[in-house]
Every structure is written in C-alpha cells, then in structure tokens.
Amino acid sequence: MIRGYAEQPSPYAGGHMTLRVSTDAPRFRVEFHRYETGMTLTGKTPWLPGEHAPPHLPAHDWGRPGTGLRGEPLRPWAVYPVRAPAEPGVYVAVLVEGDESGSDRTDPDRTTPDGREARALFVVRPVRPAARILYKLPLFTYHAYNLIDGRPYDPDRLTGHWCLYTMPGQVPAPGVSLHRPGGGTGGTPWDVHNFDPYDPTPRQTFVHWDARFIGWAARRGYAVDYCTDLDLHREGAALLEPYRLMVSAGHDEYWSDAMRAAVAEHVAAGRNAAFFGGNTCWWRVVFHDPLTFSRVGVWHEEGPPENELIGVSFRNGGERDRDDHPEPVGYRVQHADHWVYEGTGLRDGDVFGLAENLVGYECDGADFDRAAAPPYAPTGADGTPAGFTILAVGDARASGWGFGNGAATMGLYEAGGTVFNAATTDWPRGLATCPAVERITANVLDRLS
C-alpha cells in the first residue's frame, strides 16, 4: 500500500515542493509524469525510505499530528522535500514501492493519470507567465467528493471516511482538507459507483474531463498555463491579470467568494472567461483555516446567483446521473451567424453533439420562455445578464429530466470582457468525435485569448 499528496498543489517551476507519503514498503521512489496528450516521464527520485502512518480524519492536515475518532494519537505522514519539475504544466507523481534490495515491488500503470492509490496530482506554475490562457483545475470539487480509500464512514465502528456528500451529523471538525491523498487522482471519489456509459473512467477525477480538454488543447498547439482554484482563492484577480482568458472545463462545482470576485474583476477589466463545463459555481464554500473548507449552501440561495457571473445555472438545467435517462440530447443551433459558429457549417435549427450525448451528466441553463418561438432569449428572472445570447438549446425535458426550465443553454455575454459558457459537463468528451464541438472550442479560444 502506498498513498501520498503534494503539500503545495501548485509549486513554481524548479522550486521547492513537499510530498507526504505513507507506505508499508521499506522503500519507494517517485516518478514525475507531465500530462499533455499523454503521460511523459520527466524525472524520478532515488529510492526513499518508506514509513507507514495511519489515515487521519478528512478535515485534518495529514502532515501534522492528529487525534482519531477514538481519541488515539495519529502520527503525521512522513515529509519528503523534492524539487518541482522545471517545465510548467500538469503533473502526476507516480509512487513506486520497492523492496530492501532496491527492486520494484509494484508496477503502476503509467499510461493513464488515473488511479485509486500510488499517485498524486499537482500543477507546476511558470515563474513568469508567458501564455495568454490560464486553465484552472477544480481542486475543491475533486476534494469535495474525495473518499480517499473508498471506505465509507461507519459510526458504529468509527472507521472509514466521509466527504462533503456524506458528512456525519456529529464530526470533530467541519469540512474537508486539501492536505490528504486523493483529489483528482490517487483516491476514490464518493460516487465512483455512478458509472458513465460513455466513459468508464470515474467522474470527479482529473482523467474524466480535464485531461480530455488539456490533451485536445495540447494537440492543437495552444500555449496554456495552469493553476488550481486554491491559487485563485488565495491570490484573487492578481493571479488572472497576466492572462487574456481564464478557462474552466468539466465539473467546476465549488467556488469561494474570493474566486467569484476575482473572475468578476477580471472580466470587468476587459479580459475574458470561458467555461466548457456544467454545474459550474453551484456550491458556495468557506474556509475554516488555510486548508479546510466546507460548503454553506448553493450560490443562488446564499449569495448573488451564479448566473450573474457565468450566465447560466444548474437549477435551470439538470442532472441525469447513472444511466436513468439514456436518450441522447444534443444542442439545437440558433444565431448560426454568430462568430462562435464560424467554420462549423451549422445553420439555425441544426443539432450537433447528439451522437456524443453532449448534454449529458449535468448541464446549466438560462431561464427563457418555452412558449415563445425561437430564437430564445433569457428572461433574466434567474439573474442571467440581459446581454446573454443563447446560441444553442439542449432540451432536457424532451427526455424526461431537467430542473427548473429544463434546458441547457450554450451562450455568452459581454460586460467589459466576454464570458462564454458551453453549459454541459460532457463538452470535453465531444472534442474527440464532434467536429462542431471542436471548432466552436477553437473559435472561443482563438478569439478570447
């Protein structure tokens, strides 16, 4: 058994970095793999002495002494200082167990960034930003679902773990910590049982959505820098200032006040944001200390509705997890003369993404009058900005699901800068097989960056 995590989830290139690791092997080593179109080995450590430490509680910093549910003392996980890779990008630390003679005891799969143990996800940031695009990984969302080894909390035996979806009624400390294994890879998401019939990789992991988008962007030759939402939470608008465009994709569900304020300031200053995902900015989170956060409610009930920033909301889109509603839903085009559709060959009334079930797991929508004739326009009743243009509609109600208005609405608005929203979690999957999805994405990145 071996698990670990990076104490600094986004160190600077070539800078100081600390890994925390627990293993029952006498030795282990770390392989650093940069992820673009696949896993590329960029370096490795020598054999390091293995040390076993017990799991801590989900709200703990696992690198500090803790106290278990029975009052037992918990040793901190061993510290291993390393040098961060020299090239910026997204990385996976693959942990290889060894025996006393210095031979490999395990052979982790190096073909994928995904795994339930023996790896840790982190970002290497450039010392001097050079790209025009900044891609933000949803670290908070990864950890909100993180059940570490997959053993659910048992209140009778006082064993197992919880996440923000399974919080016990009485817990020693609120929330979940960012200093623990898992969180994108190397752990088990709570809803790992929630199988995606179009993609067997687990939802709420890096490989499922983010890796697809990052791989596509790399193949197309886009220069991209990377950060996590912890960076955006801590550094605010100063983090975004060097970039023309901030990009988020897949499932970016958990947002703090500081994150929202930073992106709003970025857009007001004439720069841009593009969301190629769904269920975006749904939960409002608060931090109890620099590492531990919990959710206080959904944004439209606990603060300004998320529509005011991103244009749409999950409450007017919907969710079809598992395979409860297998009928595919694509996007029906309106305003086909808009620059977003340039080069697609699409016309008003055409449907794209149907074969991909593009309006899939979760989607977001702007409220509009269903009784009106297309092209549909937002009512603004849910907080969607008056200038938001609905460019495509995916009707969830036609397949027997959906919340509120029950339709995904791809679109954009301008407020100093431009905010584009693809409004469905499964947009990155469409990049591989749907020419319209690919061209729309390229149009947005090219124009807004």
Protein backbone atom coordinates (compact mmCIF):
# COMPACT_ATOMS: atom_id res chain seq x y z
CA MET A 1 0.00 0.00 0.00
CA ILE A 2 1.25 3.47 -0.82
CA ARG A 3 -0.54 6.83 -0.88
CA GLY A 4 0.65 10.39 -0.99
CA TYR A 5 -0.10 14.01 -1.79
CA ALA A 6 1.69 17.24 -2.62
CA GLU A 7 1.63 19.81 0.18
CA GLN A 8 1.95 22.56 -2.43
CA PRO A 9 -0.57 21.59 -5.14
CA SER A 10 0.88 24.24 -7.48
CA PRO A 11 4.61 24.91 -6.90
CA TYR A 12 6.61 27.15 -9.20
CA ALA A 13 8.81 25.56 -11.86
CA GLY A 14 12.05 24.34 -10.34
CA GLY A 15 11.03 25.47 -6.86
CA HIS A 16 10.57 23.83 -3.50
CA MET A 17 7.94 21.12 -3.20
CA THR A 18 6.99 18.72 -0.42
CA LEU A 19 5.44 15.28 -0.77
CA ARG A 20 3.78 13.48 2.12
CA VAL A 21 3.74 9.70 1.74
CA SER A 22 2.63 6.67 3.75
CA THR A 23 3.64 3.17 2.71
CA ASP A 24 4.19 -0.25 4.21
CA ALA A 25 7.08 -0.84 1.81
CA PRO A 26 10.67 -0.39 3.09
CA ARG A 27 11.49 1.88 0.15
CA PHE A 28 9.75 3.83 -2.57
CA ARG A 29 10.57 6.27 -5.35
CA VAL A 30 8.66 8.98 -7.14
CA GLU A 31 8.27 9.32 -10.89
CA PHE A 32 7.16 12.70 -12.23
CA HIS A 33 4.95 12.46 -15.31
CA ARG A 34 3.86 15.57 -17.19
CA TYR A 35 0.40 15.24 -18.69
CA GLU A 36 -0.44 16.75 -22.07
CA THR A 37 -1.53 14.34 -24.79
CA GLY A 38 -0.45 11.50 -22.51
CA MET A 39 1.90 10.71 -19.65
CA THR A 40 5.52 11.78 -20.23
CA LEU A 41 8.19 10.84 -17.68
CA THR A 42 10.26 13.92 -16.86
CA GLY A 43 12.21 12.78 -13.81
CA LYS A 44 12.39 10.49 -10.81
CA THR A 45 13.79 10.46 -7.30
CA PRO A 46 16.25 7.92 -5.91
CA TRP A 47 14.92 5.28 -3.53
CA LEU A 48 13.49 6.91 -0.41
CA PRO A 49 12.91 5.28 2.99
CA GLY A 50 9.31 4.17 3.40
CA GLU A 51 7.36 4.99 6.53
CA HIS A 52 3.84 3.96 7.42
CA ALA A 53 1.46 6.36 9.15
CA PRO A 54 -2.25 5.91 9.82
CA PRO A 55 -5.01 7.70 7.91
CA HIS A 56 -6.30 10.86 9.58
CA LEU A 57 -9.76 12.39 9.60
CA PRO A 58 -10.98 14.11 6.41
CA ALA A 59 -10.75 17.58 7.97
CA HIS A 60 -7.19 17.07 9.21
CA ASP A 61 -3.92 18.24 7.78
CA TRP A 62 -2.41 14.77 7.38
CA GLY A 63 1.09 16.21 7.66
CA ARG A 64 0.56 17.21 11.28
CA PRO A 65 -0.14 15.18 14.42
CA GLY A 66 -3.82 14.41 14.82
CA THR A 67 -6.34 12.64 17.01
CA GLY A 68 -8.55 9.80 15.78
CA LEU A 69 -12.22 9.19 16.45
CA ARG A 70 -11.38 7.05 19.49
CA GLY A 71 -9.01 9.66 20.88
CA GLU A 72 -5.94 7.80 19.62
CA PRO A 73 -2.92 9.86 18.54
CA LEU A 74 -2.21 9.89 14.81
CA ARG A 75 1.34 10.34 13.57
CA PRO A 76 1.89 12.84 10.76
CA TRP A 77 2.69 11.46 7.34
CA ALA A 78 6.40 11.50 6.55
CA VAL A 79 7.78 14.51 4.71
CA TYR A 80 9.87 14.22 1.54
CA PRO A 81 11.26 17.51 0.15
CA VAL A 82 11.80 17.42 -3.62
CA ARG A 83 12.47 19.86 -6.42
CA ALA A 84 9.46 20.69 -8.58
CA PRO A 85 9.86 19.89 -12.28
CA ALA A 86 11.46 22.61 -14.36
CA GLU A 87 8.75 22.77 -17.04
CA PRO A 88 5.32 24.22 -16.18
CA GLY A 89 2.27 22.03 -16.70
CA VAL A 90 0.04 19.45 -15.06
CA TYR A 91 1.87 16.57 -13.37
CA VAL A 92 1.14 13.23 -11.78
CA ALA A 93 3.57 11.89 -9.18
CA VAL A 94 3.55 8.10 -9.57
CA LEU A 95 4.66 6.31 -6.39
CA VAL A 96 6.58 3.04 -6.89
CA GLU A 97 7.14 0.71 -3.95
CA GLY A 98 10.47 -1.07 -3.59
CA ASP A 99 11.98 -3.88 -1.53
CA GLU A 100 15.10 -3.95 0.63
CA SER A 101 17.34 -4.80 -2.32
CA GLY A 102 16.24 -1.78 -4.36
CA SER A 103 13.98 -3.61 -6.79
CA ASP A 104 10.49 -2.50 -7.78
CA ARG A 105 7.79 -4.18 -5.73
CA THR A 106 4.93 -2.64 -7.69
CA ASP A 107 4.38 -1.72 -11.33
CA PRO A 108 1.84 1.14 -11.52
CA ASP A 109 0.09 1.83 -14.80
CA ARG A 110 1.99 4.74 -16.38
CA THR A 111 -0.33 5.02 -19.39
CA THR A 112 -3.03 6.95 -17.50
CA PRO A 113 -3.04 9.76 -14.94
CA ASP A 114 -5.80 7.93 -13.09
CA GLY A 115 -5.55 5.54 -10.15
CA ARG A 116 -7.08 4.83 -6.78
CA GLU A 117 -3.73 4.98 -4.98
CA ALA A 118 0.01 5.39 -5.66
CA ARG A 119 -0.20 8.79 -7.35
CA ALA A 120 -0.73 12.47 -6.65
CA LEU A 121 -1.84 15.31 -8.90
CA PHE A 122 -0.20 18.73 -8.89
CA VAL A 123 0.37 21.73 -11.13
CA VAL A 124 3.68 23.42 -11.87
CA ARG A 125 3.24 27.15 -12.44
CA PRO A 126 5.58 29.30 -14.51
CA VAL A 127 7.81 31.75 -12.68
CA ARG A 128 6.90 34.34 -15.32
CA PRO A 129 3.58 33.81 -17.09
CA ALA A 130 4.01 33.68 -20.86
CA ALA A 131 0.80 32.12 -22.17
CA ARG A 132 -2.40 34.05 -22.84
CA ILE A 133 -4.62 31.26 -21.49
CA LEU A 134 -4.82 30.15 -17.86
CA TYR A 135 -6.54 26.82 -17.23
CA LYS A 136 -7.89 26.29 -13.71
CA LEU A 137 -8.13 22.78 -12.24
CA PRO A 138 -11.14 22.28 -9.89
CA LEU A 139 -9.20 21.08 -6.84
CA PHE A 140 -12.06 21.97 -4.47
CA THR A 141 -14.51 19.83 -6.43
CA TYR A 142 -12.07 16.91 -6.52
CA HIS A 143 -11.74 17.04 -2.73
CA ALA A 144 -15.43 17.60 -2.06
CA TYR A 145 -16.02 14.10 -3.48
CA ASN A 146 -12.78 12.53 -2.21
CA LEU A 147 -13.36 9.40 -0.12
CA ILE A 148 -9.65 8.51 -0.17
CA ASP A 149 -9.62 4.68 0.04
CA GLY A 150 -13.33 4.34 -0.70
CA ARG A 151 -14.30 3.04 2.75
CA PRO A 152 -17.39 4.98 3.88
CA TYR A 153 -17.67 6.24 7.42
CA ASP A 154 -19.14 3.70 9.86
CA PRO A 155 -20.39 5.48 13.03
CA ASP A 156 -20.67 2.19 14.95
CA ARG A 157 -17.13 1.01 14.29
CA LEU A 158 -15.69 4.54 14.00
CA THR A 159 -13.92 3.61 10.78
CA GLY A 160 -13.80 4.92 7.23
CA HIS A 161 -14.01 8.40 5.76
CA TRP A 162 -16.54 10.97 4.73
CA CYS A 163 -16.70 13.71 2.12
CA LEU A 164 -18.95 16.73 1.69
CA TYR A 165 -21.71 14.44 0.42
CA THR A 166 -21.59 12.06 3.38
CA MET A 167 -20.79 14.32 6.34
CA PRO A 168 -21.89 12.68 9.63
CA GLY A 169 -24.25 14.59 11.87
CA GLN A 170 -21.60 14.95 14.55
CA VAL A 171 -18.00 15.38 13.46
CA PRO A 172 -14.93 16.53 15.39
CA ALA A 173 -14.19 19.23 12.80
CA PRO A 174 -16.18 20.63 9.88
CA GLY A 175 -15.31 20.30 6.24
CA VAL A 176 -12.56 18.52 4.34
CA SER A 177 -8.87 19.24 3.99
CA LEU A 178 -6.72 19.74 0.92
CA HIS A 179 -3.77 18.06 2.67
CA ARG A 180 -4.68 14.40 2.17
CA PRO A 181 -4.34 11.82 -0.60
CA GLY A 182 -6.77 11.84 -3.47
CA GLY A 183 -8.22 14.95 -5.01
CA GLY A 184 -8.11 14.35 -8.75
CA THR A 185 -6.19 11.09 -8.70
CA GLY A 186 -4.72 8.68 -6.15
CA GLY A 187 -8.01 8.33 -4.26
CA THR A 188 -11.58 7.12 -4.68
CA PRO A 189 -14.41 9.54 -5.45
CA TRP A 190 -17.53 9.02 -3.36
CA ASP A 191 -19.66 8.46 -6.47
CA VAL A 192 -17.29 6.02 -8.17
CA HIS A 193 -20.30 3.69 -8.48
CA ASN A 194 -22.04 6.29 -10.65
CA PHE A 195 -20.93 4.77 -13.95
CA ASP A 196 -20.76 6.89 -17.10
CA PRO A 197 -21.90 4.69 -20.01
CA TYR A 198 -19.87 6.83 -22.43
CA ASP A 199 -16.62 6.84 -20.45
CA PRO A 200 -15.59 4.19 -17.88
CA THR A 201 -13.19 6.50 -16.03
CA PRO A 202 -14.62 7.79 -12.72
CA ARG A 203 -16.32 11.15 -12.66
CA GLN A 204 -14.85 13.71 -10.26
CA THR A 205 -11.31 12.77 -11.34
CA PHE A 206 -8.77 14.59 -13.46
CA VAL A 207 -8.82 11.96 -16.19
CA HIS A 208 -12.56 12.13 -16.85
CA TRP A 209 -12.97 15.73 -18.06
CA ASP A 210 -9.89 17.89 -17.53
CA ALA A 211 -7.41 15.53 -19.13
CA ARG A 212 -9.55 15.33 -22.25
CA PHE A 213 -9.65 19.11 -22.64
CA ILE A 214 -5.96 19.56 -21.83
CA GLY A 215 -4.96 16.83 -24.28
CA TRP A 216 -7.03 18.39 -27.06
CA ALA A 217 -5.56 21.85 -26.42
CA ALA A 218 -2.02 20.41 -26.47
CA ARG A 219 -2.63 18.59 -29.75
CA ARG A 220 -3.93 21.82 -31.26
CA GLY A 221 -0.80 23.67 -30.14
CA TYR A 222 -2.34 26.09 -27.63
CA ALA A 223 0.05 27.61 -25.13
CA VAL A 224 -1.58 27.22 -21.72
CA ASP A 225 -0.53 27.88 -18.14
CA TYR A 226 -2.22 26.04 -15.27
CA CYS A 227 -3.38 26.78 -11.75
CA THR A 228 -5.77 25.37 -9.18
CA ASP A 229 -8.77 27.04 -7.63
CA LEU A 230 -6.77 27.28 -4.41
CA ASP A 231 -4.46 29.68 -6.23
CA LEU A 232 -7.45 31.71 -7.43
CA HIS A 233 -8.92 31.71 -3.91
CA ARG A 234 -5.66 32.91 -2.33
CA GLU A 235 -4.33 35.31 -4.96
CA GLY A 236 -7.52 36.70 -6.46
CA ALA A 237 -7.50 38.94 -9.53
CA ALA A 238 -3.70 39.30 -9.39
CA LEU A 239 -3.40 35.68 -10.50
CA LEU A 240 -5.53 36.34 -13.59
CA GLU A 241 -4.11 39.74 -14.53
CA PRO A 242 -1.34 38.46 -16.89
CA TYR A 243 -3.82 36.40 -18.92
CA ARG A 244 -6.36 37.28 -21.58
CA LEU A 245 -8.52 34.22 -20.91
CA MET A 246 -9.30 32.00 -17.94
CA VAL A 247 -10.61 28.55 -18.87
CA SER A 248 -12.51 26.00 -16.80
CA ALA A 249 -13.84 22.68 -18.11
CA GLY A 250 -15.81 19.66 -16.97
CA HIS A 251 -17.11 19.89 -13.42
CA ASP A 252 -16.08 23.06 -11.57
CA GLU A 253 -18.75 22.94 -8.88
CA TYR A 254 -17.26 24.52 -5.73
CA TRP A 255 -16.47 28.25 -5.59
CA SER A 256 -15.49 30.63 -2.81
CA ASP A 257 -16.37 34.32 -2.57
CA ALA A 258 -12.77 35.22 -3.40
CA MET A 259 -12.85 33.12 -6.58
CA ARG A 260 -16.03 34.75 -7.82
CA ALA A 261 -14.79 38.23 -7.04
CA ALA A 262 -11.52 37.58 -8.86
CA VAL A 263 -13.17 36.37 -12.08
CA ALA A 264 -15.73 39.19 -11.99
CA GLU A 265 -12.92 41.74 -11.67
CA HIS A 266 -11.01 40.02 -14.47
CA VAL A 267 -13.98 40.31 -16.83
CA ALA A 268 -14.84 43.87 -15.79
CA ALA A 269 -11.26 44.84 -16.70
CA GLY A 270 -11.89 43.76 -20.29
CA ARG A 271 -10.47 40.25 -20.12
CA ASN A 272 -12.33 37.01 -20.70
CA ALA A 273 -13.51 33.73 -19.19
CA ALA A 274 -14.70 30.53 -20.87
CA PHE A 275 -16.50 27.68 -19.12
CA PHE A 276 -16.54 24.40 -21.03
CA GLY A 277 -18.44 22.54 -18.32
CA GLY A 278 -21.61 22.30 -16.30
CA ASN A 279 -22.85 22.57 -12.70
CA THR A 280 -20.36 25.40 -12.51
CA CYS A 281 -20.14 27.60 -9.40
CA TRP A 282 -23.02 25.72 -7.74
CA TRP A 283 -21.83 25.42 -4.12
CA ARG A 284 -20.58 28.37 -2.11
CA VAL A 285 -17.63 27.32 0.07
CA VAL A 286 -15.95 28.86 3.10
CA PHE A 287 -12.55 28.11 4.59
CA HIS A 288 -12.14 27.40 8.30
CA ASP A 289 -8.34 27.63 8.04
CA PRO A 290 -5.95 27.88 5.08
CA LEU A 291 -6.59 24.24 4.10
CA THR A 292 -10.03 23.13 5.32
CA PHE A 293 -13.26 24.13 3.65
CA SER A 294 -16.94 23.29 3.79
CA ARG A 295 -20.00 24.35 1.85
CA VAL A 296 -22.57 26.77 3.24
CA GLY A 297 -25.22 26.38 0.55
CA VAL A 298 -25.85 26.85 -3.14
CA TRP A 299 -24.92 30.22 -4.55
CA HIS A 300 -28.32 31.38 -5.70
CA GLU A 301 -29.65 30.89 -2.15
CA GLU A 302 -26.59 32.03 -0.18
CA GLY A 303 -25.44 34.97 -2.27
CA PRO A 304 -25.69 36.52 -5.72
CA PRO A 305 -26.91 33.86 -8.19
CA GLU A 306 -24.11 32.30 -10.18
CA ASN A 307 -25.85 33.44 -13.38
CA GLU A 308 -24.59 36.95 -12.70
CA LEU A 309 -21.05 35.71 -13.33
CA ILE A 310 -21.30 32.67 -15.63
CA GLY A 311 -24.62 33.45 -17.38
CA VAL A 312 -26.39 30.16 -16.54
CA SER A 313 -27.30 27.93 -13.59
CA PHE A 314 -27.65 24.23 -12.80
CA ARG A 315 -31.09 24.99 -11.37
CA ASN A 316 -32.44 25.61 -14.89
CA GLY A 317 -30.52 22.75 -16.48
CA GLY A 318 -30.44 19.40 -14.75
CA GLU A 319 -28.76 16.13 -13.94
CA ARG A 320 -29.03 12.60 -15.21
CA ASP A 321 -26.50 10.56 -13.32
CA ARG A 322 -26.06 6.82 -13.79
CA ASP A 323 -27.99 5.84 -16.92
CA ASP A 324 -31.51 6.73 -15.78
CA HIS A 325 -32.33 8.66 -18.97
CA PRO A 326 -30.25 7.18 -21.78
CA GLU A 327 -31.86 9.12 -24.63
CA PRO A 328 -29.13 11.30 -26.18
CA VAL A 329 -29.51 15.08 -26.12
CA GLY A 330 -27.61 17.43 -28.40
CA TYR A 331 -27.62 21.19 -28.92
CA ARG A 332 -30.05 22.87 -31.35
CA VAL A 333 -28.45 25.88 -33.01
CA GLN A 334 -29.76 29.43 -33.01
CA HIS A 335 -27.97 32.59 -34.21
CA ALA A 336 -25.84 30.48 -36.55
CA ASP A 337 -24.27 33.65 -38.00
CA HIS A 338 -22.52 34.34 -34.66
CA TRP A 339 -18.70 34.21 -34.64
CA VAL A 340 -18.83 31.21 -32.26
CA TYR A 341 -20.16 29.11 -35.16
CA GLU A 342 -17.70 30.33 -37.78
CA GLY A 343 -16.47 27.44 -39.92
CA THR A 344 -18.87 24.87 -38.48
CA GLY A 345 -21.28 24.88 -41.43
CA LEU A 346 -24.17 24.80 -38.95
CA ARG A 347 -27.46 26.55 -39.65
CA ASP A 348 -30.30 27.58 -37.36
CA GLY A 349 -32.24 24.52 -36.26
CA ASP A 350 -29.36 22.08 -36.80
CA VAL A 351 -28.47 19.77 -33.91
CA PHE A 352 -24.89 18.91 -33.00
CA GLY A 353 -23.48 16.59 -30.32
CA LEU A 354 -26.38 14.13 -30.46
CA ALA A 355 -24.19 11.07 -31.04
CA GLU A 356 -21.97 12.14 -28.13
CA ASN A 357 -24.91 12.72 -25.79
CA LEU A 358 -23.29 16.11 -25.36
CA VAL A 359 -25.90 17.44 -22.92
CA GLY A 360 -25.01 14.69 -20.55
CA TYR A 361 -24.32 14.16 -16.86
CA GLU A 362 -25.04 17.71 -15.66
CA CYS A 363 -25.95 20.86 -17.55
CA ASP A 364 -26.73 24.52 -16.88
CA GLY A 365 -29.34 26.82 -18.38
CA ALA A 366 -30.62 30.37 -18.53
CA ASP A 367 -34.35 30.78 -17.96
CA PHE A 368 -36.29 31.51 -21.16
CA ASP A 369 -39.93 31.44 -22.24
CA ARG A 370 -40.60 27.98 -23.63
CA ALA A 371 -43.88 29.17 -25.14
CA ALA A 372 -42.09 31.69 -27.32
CA ALA A 373 -40.82 30.90 -30.80
CA PRO A 374 -37.07 30.51 -31.29
CA PRO A 375 -34.61 32.09 -31.21
CA TYR A 376 -35.00 32.01 -27.44
CA ALA A 377 -33.82 34.88 -25.27
CA PRO A 378 -33.23 34.82 -21.50
CA THR A 379 -35.92 36.29 -19.27
CA GLY A 380 -33.36 37.43 -16.70
CA ALA A 381 -35.60 36.15 -13.91
CA ASP A 382 -32.81 33.90 -12.60
CA GLY A 383 -30.08 36.55 -12.69
CA THR A 384 -28.78 35.89 -16.20
CA PRO A 385 -27.32 39.15 -17.56
CA ALA A 386 -29.57 41.00 -20.03
CA GLY A 387 -26.92 40.79 -22.74
CA PHE A 388 -26.57 37.00 -22.60
CA THR A 389 -27.10 35.47 -26.06
CA ILE A 390 -28.42 31.90 -26.12
CA LEU A 391 -26.61 30.22 -29.02
CA ALA A 392 -27.89 26.67 -28.58
CA VAL A 393 -30.53 24.83 -26.55
CA GLY A 394 -30.40 21.24 -25.32
CA ASP A 395 -33.90 20.25 -24.24
CA ALA A 396 -33.67 18.01 -21.18
CA ARG A 397 -37.43 17.80 -20.72
CA ALA A 398 -37.83 16.03 -24.06
CA SER A 399 -36.00 13.08 -22.49
CA GLY A 400 -37.91 13.22 -19.21
CA TRP A 401 -35.47 15.02 -16.92
CA GLY A 402 -34.25 18.50 -16.08
CA PHE A 403 -34.61 21.10 -13.32
CA GLY A 404 -36.49 24.38 -13.50
CA ASN A 405 -36.68 25.40 -17.14
CA GLY A 406 -35.10 22.05 -18.03
CA ALA A 407 -32.76 23.09 -20.82
CA ALA A 408 -29.04 23.55 -21.29
CA THR A 409 -28.21 26.86 -22.93
CA MET A 410 -24.83 27.43 -24.53
CA GLY A 411 -24.15 31.13 -24.88
CA LEU A 412 -22.15 34.21 -23.92
CA TYR A 413 -22.38 37.81 -22.79
CA GLU A 414 -20.12 40.86 -22.67
CA ALA A 415 -19.50 43.03 -19.63
CA GLY A 416 -16.16 44.69 -20.29
CA GLY A 417 -14.77 41.32 -21.36
CA THR A 418 -16.62 38.27 -22.64
CA VAL A 419 -17.89 35.23 -20.73
CA PHE A 420 -18.63 32.11 -22.79
CA ASN A 421 -20.39 29.09 -21.31
CA ALA A 422 -20.79 25.69 -23.01
CA ALA A 423 -23.10 24.73 -20.12
CA THR A 424 -22.58 20.94 -20.05
CA THR A 425 -20.07 18.82 -18.14
CA ASP A 426 -19.51 16.49 -21.08
CA TRP A 427 -18.30 19.11 -23.54
CA PRO A 428 -14.66 17.84 -23.27
CA ARG A 429 -15.77 14.39 -24.39
CA GLY A 430 -17.26 15.89 -27.55
CA LEU A 431 -13.87 17.26 -28.57
CA ALA A 432 -12.77 13.80 -29.68
CA THR A 433 -15.62 12.98 -32.04
CA CYS A 434 -17.76 16.03 -32.82
CA PRO A 435 -16.31 18.50 -35.38
CA ALA A 436 -18.74 21.23 -34.30
CA VAL A 437 -17.65 20.99 -30.66
CA GLU A 438 -14.02 21.12 -31.72
CA ARG A 439 -14.47 24.12 -34.00
CA ILE A 440 -16.59 26.07 -31.50
CA THR A 441 -13.95 25.48 -28.83
CA ALA A 442 -11.20 26.66 -31.13
CA ASN A 443 -13.21 29.73 -32.12
CA VAL A 444 -13.70 30.67 -28.47
CA LEU A 445 -10.05 30.13 -27.50
CA ASP A 446 -8.72 31.93 -30.58
CA ARG A 447 -10.94 34.99 -30.20
CA LEU A 448 -10.95 35.38 -26.44
CA SER A 449 -7.23 34.74 -25.90
